Amino acid sequence: MEKRGVPTAAIITHVFLNTAQAMTRMMGVPEYRYVVAQHPLSSLTDDEVKQRANELADEVESILTGAPVAA
């Protein structure tokens, strides 16, 4: 989608960080930004998922808009 001009924000969990870094290097975009969440996600309750999403929202917005993350 990025190649079509549609901003995207990928979210991965920290256990996939090495894989994500390898994939972005392999695809020729080692500077590609993504959000790294703590693993696991599948065992979280609905409220915990909402909390996690709120914690990641600023970084997702920063990636989508190209603006730096607010301090």
PDB file of N, CA and C in Angstrom:
ATOM      1  N   MET A   1       0.813  -1.179   0.000  1.00  0.00           N
ATOM      2  CA  MET A   1       0.000   0.000   0.000  1.00  0.00           C
ATOM      3  C   MET A   1       0.865   1.254   0.000  1.00  0.00           C
ATOM      4  N   GLU A   2       1.980   1.188   0.695  1.00  0.00           N
ATOM      5  CA  GLU A   2       2.897   2.330   0.711  1.00  0.00           C
ATOM      6  C   GLU A   2       3.348   2.678  -0.708  1.00  0.00           C
ATOM      7  N   LYS A   3       3.637   1.662  -1.524  1.00  0.00           N
ATOM      8  CA  LYS A   3       4.071   1.912  -2.896  1.00  0.00           C
ATOM      9  C   LYS A   3       2.981   2.588  -3.718  1.00  0.00           C
ATOM     10  N   ARG A   4       1.721   2.438  -3.307  1.00  0.00           N
ATOM     11  CA  ARG A   4       0.596   3.081  -3.987  1.00  0.00           C
ATOM     12  C   ARG A   4       0.264   4.438  -3.372  1.00  0.00           C
ATOM     13  N   GLY A   5       1.081   4.858  -2.411  1.00  0.00           N
ATOM     14  CA  GLY A   5       0.875   6.164  -1.796  1.00  0.00           C
ATOM     15  C   GLY A   5      -0.089   6.176  -0.632  1.00  0.00           C
ATOM     16  N   VAL A   6      -0.447   4.991  -0.132  1.00  0.00           N
ATOM     17  CA  VAL A   6      -1.354   4.915   1.012  1.00  0.00           C
ATOM     18  C   VAL A   6      -0.519   4.692   2.270  1.00  0.00           C
ATOM     19  N   PRO A   7      -0.511   5.677   3.178  1.00  0.00           N
ATOM     20  CA  PRO A   7       0.274   5.497   4.411  1.00  0.00           C
ATOM     21  C   PRO A   7      -0.216   4.283   5.198  1.00  0.00           C
ATOM     22  N   THR A   8       0.714   3.527   5.713  1.00  0.00           N
ATOM     23  CA  THR A   8       0.383   2.358   6.520  1.00  0.00           C
ATOM     24  C   THR A   8       1.246   2.344   7.768  1.00  0.00           C
ATOM     25  N   ALA A   9       0.759   1.681   8.782  1.00  0.00           N
ATOM     26  CA  ALA A   9       1.528   1.521  10.014  1.00  0.00           C
ATOM     27  C   ALA A   9       1.457   0.056  10.416  1.00  0.00           C
ATOM     28  N   ALA A  10       2.553  -0.622  10.283  1.00  0.00           N
ATOM     29  CA  ALA A  10       2.620  -2.029  10.676  1.00  0.00           C
ATOM     30  C   ALA A  10       2.879  -2.110  12.174  1.00  0.00           C
ATOM     31  N   ILE A  11       2.203  -3.039  12.817  1.00  0.00           N
ATOM     32  CA  ILE A  11       2.407  -3.283  14.248  1.00  0.00           C
ATOM     33  C   ILE A  11       2.848  -4.731  14.398  1.00  0.00           C
ATOM     34  N   ILE A  12       3.996  -4.902  15.048  1.00  0.00           N
ATOM     35  CA  ILE A  12       4.515  -6.244  15.305  1.00  0.00           C
ATOM     36  C   ILE A  12       4.723  -6.391  16.812  1.00  0.00           C
ATOM     37  N   THR A  13       4.901  -7.613  17.254  1.00  0.00           N
ATOM     38  CA  THR A  13       5.284  -7.798  18.654  1.00  0.00           C
ATOM     39  C   THR A  13       6.791  -7.989  18.723  1.00  0.00           C
ATOM     40  N   HIS A  14       7.332  -7.727  19.899  1.00  0.00           N
ATOM     41  CA  HIS A  14       8.786  -7.711  20.040  1.00  0.00           C
ATOM     42  C   HIS A  14       9.456  -9.033  19.677  1.00  0.00           C
ATOM     43  N   VAL A  15       8.747 -10.138  19.747  1.00  0.00           N
ATOM     44  CA  VAL A  15       9.376 -11.413  19.392  1.00  0.00           C
ATOM     45  C   VAL A  15       9.644 -11.523  17.894  1.00  0.00           C
ATOM     46  N   PHE A  16       9.015 -10.652  17.091  1.00  0.00           N
ATOM     47  CA  PHE A  16       9.222 -10.666  15.642  1.00  0.00           C
ATOM     48  C   PHE A  16      10.129  -9.536  15.169  1.00  0.00           C
ATOM     49  N   LEU A  17      10.791  -8.850  16.093  1.00  0.00           N
ATOM     50  CA  LEU A  17      11.635  -7.719  15.735  1.00  0.00           C
ATOM     51  C   LEU A  17      12.766  -8.112  14.788  1.00  0.00           C
ATOM     52  N   ASN A  18      13.471  -9.181  15.079  1.00  0.00           N
ATOM     53  CA  ASN A  18      14.570  -9.604  14.197  1.00  0.00           C
ATOM     54  C   ASN A  18      14.056  -9.949  12.803  1.00  0.00           C
ATOM     55  N   THR A  19      12.910 -10.608  12.736  1.00  0.00           N
ATOM     56  CA  THR A  19      12.318 -10.952  11.444  1.00  0.00           C
ATOM     57  C   THR A  19      11.929  -9.696  10.680  1.00  0.00           C
ATOM     58  N   ALA A  20      11.309  -8.746  11.356  1.00  0.00           N
ATOM     59  CA  ALA A  20      10.905  -7.498  10.702  1.00  0.00           C
ATOM     60  C   ALA A  20      12.125  -6.744  10.176  1.00  0.00           C
ATOM     61  N   GLN A  21      13.174  -6.680  10.961  1.00  0.00           N
ATOM     62  CA  GLN A  21      14.399  -6.002  10.521  1.00  0.00           C
ATOM     63  C   GLN A  21      14.996  -6.698   9.300  1.00  0.00           C
ATOM     64  N   ALA A  22      15.020  -8.016   9.305  1.00  0.00           N
ATOM     65  CA  ALA A  22      15.550  -8.760   8.163  1.00  0.00           C
ATOM     66  C   ALA A  22      14.691  -8.540   6.924  1.00  0.00           C
ATOM     67  N   MET A  23      13.376  -8.550   7.099  1.00  0.00           N
ATOM     68  CA  MET A  23      12.471  -8.372   5.953  1.00  0.00           C
ATOM     69  C   MET A  23      12.610  -6.978   5.344  1.00  0.00           C
ATOM     70  N   THR A  24      12.695  -5.951   6.171  1.00  0.00           N
ATOM     71  CA  THR A  24      12.813  -4.600   5.616  1.00  0.00           C
ATOM     72  C   THR A  24      14.151  -4.418   4.906  1.00  0.00           C
ATOM     73  N   ARG A  25      15.213  -5.017   5.430  1.00  0.00           N
ATOM     74  CA  ARG A  25      16.512  -4.962   4.734  1.00  0.00           C
ATOM     75  C   ARG A  25      16.416  -5.705   3.406  1.00  0.00           C
ATOM     76  N   MET A  26      15.806  -6.879   3.422  1.00  0.00           N
ATOM     77  CA  MET A  26      15.690  -7.693   2.221  1.00  0.00           C
ATOM     78  C   MET A  26      14.851  -6.989   1.150  1.00  0.00           C
ATOM     79  N   MET A  27      13.852  -6.236   1.575  1.00  0.00           N
ATOM     80  CA  MET A  27      12.978  -5.541   0.630  1.00  0.00           C
ATOM     81  C   MET A  27      13.547  -4.182   0.212  1.00  0.00           C
ATOM     82  N   GLY A  28      14.730  -3.847   0.724  1.00  0.00           N
ATOM     83  CA  GLY A  28      15.388  -2.612   0.318  1.00  0.00           C
ATOM     84  C   GLY A  28      14.891  -1.367   1.024  1.00  0.00           C
ATOM     85  N   VAL A  29      14.199  -1.539   2.142  1.00  0.00           N
ATOM     86  CA  VAL A  29      13.711  -0.384   2.910  1.00  0.00           C
ATOM     87  C   VAL A  29      14.065  -0.551   4.396  1.00  0.00           C
ATOM     88  N   PRO A  30      15.360  -0.598   4.704  1.00  0.00           N
ATOM     89  CA  PRO A  30      15.754  -0.851   6.090  1.00  0.00           C
ATOM     90  C   PRO A  30      15.300   0.244   7.057  1.00  0.00           C
ATOM     91  N   GLU A  31      14.963   1.422   6.530  1.00  0.00           N
ATOM     92  CA  GLU A  31      14.524   2.518   7.389  1.00  0.00           C
ATOM     93  C   GLU A  31      13.013   2.490   7.643  1.00  0.00           C
ATOM     94  N   TYR A  32      12.302   1.512   7.069  1.00  0.00           N
ATOM     95  CA  TYR A  32      10.853   1.413   7.233  1.00  0.00           C
ATOM     96  C   TYR A  32      10.502   1.366   8.718  1.00  0.00           C
ATOM     97  N   ARG A  33       9.594   2.233   9.123  1.00  0.00           N
ATOM     98  CA  ARG A  33       9.194   2.309  10.534  1.00  0.00           C
ATOM     99  C   ARG A  33       7.986   1.427  10.799  1.00  0.00           C
ATOM    100  N   TYR A  34       7.988   0.786  11.943  1.00  0.00           N
ATOM    101  CA  TYR A  34       6.860  -0.012  12.396  1.00  0.00           C
ATOM    102  C   TYR A  34       6.779   0.121  13.905  1.00  0.00           C
ATOM    103  N   VAL A  35       5.632  -0.191  14.438  1.00  0.00           N
ATOM    104  CA  VAL A  35       5.401  -0.097  15.875  1.00  0.00           C
ATOM    105  C   VAL A  35       5.667  -1.460  16.496  1.00  0.00           C
ATOM    106  N   VAL A  36       6.376  -1.463  17.598  1.00  0.00           N
ATOM    107  CA  VAL A  36       6.698  -2.712  18.283  1.00  0.00           C
ATOM    108  C   VAL A  36       5.920  -2.773  19.600  1.00  0.00           C
ATOM    109  N   ALA A  37       5.032  -3.760  19.701  1.00  0.00           N
ATOM    110  CA  ALA A  37       4.239  -3.979  20.905  1.00  0.00           C
ATOM    111  C   ALA A  37       4.824  -5.147  21.689  1.00  0.00           C
ATOM    112  N   GLN A  38       4.496  -5.209  22.950  1.00  0.00           N
ATOM    113  CA  GLN A  38       4.930  -6.339  23.761  1.00  0.00           C
ATOM    114  C   GLN A  38       4.095  -7.569  23.414  1.00  0.00           C
ATOM    115  N   HIS A  39       4.721  -8.703  23.422  1.00  0.00           N
ATOM    116  CA  HIS A  39       4.091  -9.989  23.136  1.00  0.00           C
ATOM    117  C   HIS A  39       3.662 -10.591  24.472  1.00  0.00           C
ATOM    118  N   PRO A  40       2.596 -11.298  24.546  1.00  0.00           N
ATOM    119  CA  PRO A  40       1.657 -11.677  23.501  1.00  0.00           C
ATOM    120  C   PRO A  40       0.492 -10.692  23.423  1.00  0.00           C
ATOM    121  N   LEU A  41      -0.275 -10.810  22.361  1.00  0.00           N
ATOM    122  CA  LEU A  41      -1.491 -10.022  22.205  1.00  0.00           C
ATOM    123  C   LEU A  41      -2.736 -10.906  22.302  1.00  0.00           C
ATOM    124  N   SER A  42      -2.638 -12.131  21.833  1.00  0.00           N
ATOM    125  CA  SER A  42      -3.817 -12.993  21.710  1.00  0.00           C
ATOM    126  C   SER A  42      -4.459 -13.354  23.042  1.00  0.00           C
ATOM    127  N   SER A  43      -3.725 -13.284  24.129  1.00  0.00           N
ATOM    128  CA  SER A  43      -4.289 -13.667  25.426  1.00  0.00           C
ATOM    129  C   SER A  43      -4.828 -12.469  26.211  1.00  0.00           C
ATOM    130  N   LEU A  44      -4.788 -11.269  25.619  1.00  0.00           N
ATOM    131  CA  LEU A  44      -5.263 -10.076  26.323  1.00  0.00           C
ATOM    132  C   LEU A  44      -6.788 -10.023  26.348  1.00  0.00           C
ATOM    133  N   THR A  45      -7.318  -9.414  27.389  1.00  0.00           N
ATOM    134  CA  THR A  45      -8.758  -9.166  27.450  1.00  0.00           C
ATOM    135  C   THR A  45      -9.080  -7.977  26.543  1.00  0.00           C
ATOM    136  N   ASP A  46     -10.353  -7.759  26.284  1.00  0.00           N
ATOM    137  CA  ASP A  46     -10.756  -6.612  25.455  1.00  0.00           C
ATOM    138  C   ASP A  46     -10.235  -5.305  26.046  1.00  0.00           C
ATOM    139  N   ASP A  47     -10.351  -5.158  27.352  1.00  0.00           N
ATOM    140  CA  ASP A  47      -9.877  -3.929  27.990  1.00  0.00           C
ATOM    141  C   ASP A  47      -8.360  -3.783  27.870  1.00  0.00           C
ATOM    142  N   GLU A  48      -7.638  -4.885  27.985  1.00  0.00           N
ATOM    143  CA  GLU A  48      -6.181  -4.838  27.836  1.00  0.00           C
ATOM    144  C   GLU A  48      -5.787  -4.484  26.403  1.00  0.00           C
ATOM    145  N   VAL A  49      -6.541  -4.980  25.430  1.00  0.00           N
ATOM    146  CA  VAL A  49      -6.275  -4.639  24.031  1.00  0.00           C
ATOM    147  C   VAL A  49      -6.491  -3.142  23.820  1.00  0.00           C
ATOM    148  N   LYS A  50      -7.560  -2.610  24.365  1.00  0.00           N
ATOM    149  CA  LYS A  50      -7.819  -1.171  24.258  1.00  0.00           C
ATOM    150  C   LYS A  50      -6.709  -0.357  24.896  1.00  0.00           C
ATOM    151  N   GLN A  51      -6.247  -0.796  26.062  1.00  0.00           N
ATOM    152  CA  GLN A  51      -5.160  -0.108  26.738  1.00  0.00           C
ATOM    153  C   GLN A  51      -3.889  -0.147  25.886  1.00  0.00           C
ATOM    154  N   ARG A  52      -3.578  -1.307  25.334  1.00  0.00           N
ATOM    155  CA  ARG A  52      -2.389  -1.458  24.495  1.00  0.00           C
ATOM    156  C   ARG A  52      -2.492  -0.566  23.266  1.00  0.00           C
ATOM    157  N   ALA A  53      -3.677  -0.530  22.650  1.00  0.00           N
ATOM    158  CA  ALA A  53      -3.894   0.322  21.478  1.00  0.00           C
ATOM    159  C   ALA A  53      -3.684   1.792  21.831  1.00  0.00           C
ATOM    160  N   ASN A  54      -4.188   2.207  22.972  1.00  0.00           N
ATOM    161  CA  ASN A  54      -3.984   3.588  23.409  1.00  0.00           C
ATOM    162  C   ASN A  54      -2.511   3.897  23.617  1.00  0.00           C
ATOM    163  N   GLU A  55      -1.761   2.936  24.129  1.00  0.00           N
ATOM    164  CA  GLU A  55      -0.329   3.127  24.355  1.00  0.00           C
ATOM    165  C   GLU A  55       0.429   3.275  23.040  1.00  0.00           C
ATOM    166  N   LEU A  56      -0.051   2.637  21.980  1.00  0.00           N
ATOM    167  CA  LEU A  56       0.637   2.637  20.690  1.00  0.00           C
ATOM    168  C   LEU A  56       0.138   3.727  19.739  1.00  0.00           C
ATOM    169  N   ALA A  57      -0.972   4.350  20.067  1.00  0.00           N
ATOM    170  CA  ALA A  57      -1.649   5.270  19.149  1.00  0.00           C
ATOM    171  C   ALA A  57      -0.774   6.421  18.678  1.00  0.00           C
ATOM    172  N   ASP A  58      -0.018   7.048  19.576  1.00  0.00           N
ATOM    173  CA  ASP A  58       0.824   8.179  19.174  1.00  0.00           C
ATOM    174  C   ASP A  58       1.876   7.767  18.156  1.00  0.00           C
ATOM    175  N   GLU A  59       2.457   6.598  18.365  1.00  0.00           N
ATOM    176  CA  GLU A  59       3.487   6.121  17.436  1.00  0.00           C
ATOM    177  C   GLU A  59       2.877   5.754  16.081  1.00  0.00           C
ATOM    178  N   VAL A  60       1.701   5.153  16.097  1.00  0.00           N
ATOM    179  CA  VAL A  60       1.006   4.842  14.843  1.00  0.00           C
ATOM    180  C   VAL A  60       0.701   6.134  14.094  1.00  0.00           C
ATOM    181  N   GLU A  61       0.173   7.116  14.804  1.00  0.00           N
ATOM    182  CA  GLU A  61      -0.139   8.406  14.181  1.00  0.00           C
ATOM    183  C   GLU A  61       1.112   9.051  13.595  1.00  0.00           C
ATOM    184  N   SER A  62       2.208   8.976  14.313  1.00  0.00           N
ATOM    185  CA  SER A  62       3.467   9.531  13.836  1.00  0.00           C
ATOM    186  C   SER A  62       3.905   8.887  12.526  1.00  0.00           C
ATOM    187  N   ILE A  63       3.778   7.586  12.435  1.00  0.00           N
ATOM    188  CA  ILE A  63       4.153   6.881  11.204  1.00  0.00           C
ATOM    189  C   ILE A  63       3.227   7.284  10.062  1.00  0.00           C
ATOM    190  N   LEU A  64       1.926   7.354  10.336  1.00  0.00           N
ATOM    191  CA  LEU A  64       0.967   7.677   9.281  1.00  0.00           C
ATOM    192  C   LEU A  64       1.096   9.100   8.782  1.00  0.00           C
ATOM    193  N   THR A  65       1.445  10.030   9.654  1.00  0.00           N
ATOM    194  CA  THR A  65       1.507  11.438   9.280  1.00  0.00           C
ATOM    195  C   THR A  65       2.915  11.910   8.952  1.00  0.00           C
ATOM    196  N   GLY A  66       3.917  11.125   9.359  1.00  0.00           N
ATOM    197  CA  GLY A  66       5.299  11.552   9.145  1.00  0.00           C
ATOM    198  C   GLY A  66       5.776  12.551  10.176  1.00  0.00           C
ATOM    199  N   ALA A  67       4.957  12.837  11.160  1.00  0.00           N
ATOM    200  CA  ALA A  67       5.321  13.763  12.226  1.00  0.00           C
ATOM    201  C   ALA A  67       6.057  13.016  13.337  1.00  0.00           C
ATOM    202  N   PRO A  68       6.949  13.714  14.043  1.00  0.00           N
ATOM    203  CA  PRO A  68       7.621  13.048  15.149  1.00  0.00           C
ATOM    204  C   PRO A  68       6.650  12.726  16.281  1.00  0.00           C
ATOM    205  N   VAL A  69       6.982  11.716  17.069  1.00  0.00           N
ATOM    206  CA  VAL A  69       6.154  11.339  18.204  1.00  0.00           C
ATOM    207  C   VAL A  69       6.226  12.453  19.229  1.00  0.00           C
ATOM    208  N   ALA A  70       5.067  12.884  19.723  1.00  0.00           N
ATOM    209  CA  ALA A  70       5.034  13.926  20.755  1.00  0.00           C
ATOM    210  C   ALA A  70       5.661  13.410  22.039  1.00  0.00           C
ATOM    211  N   ALA A  71       6.399  14.271  22.696  1.00  0.00           N
ATOM    212  CA  ALA A  71       7.069  13.865  23.936  1.00  0.00           C
ATOM    213  C   ALA A  71       6.127  13.802  25.102  1.00  0.00           C
TER     214      ALA A  71
END
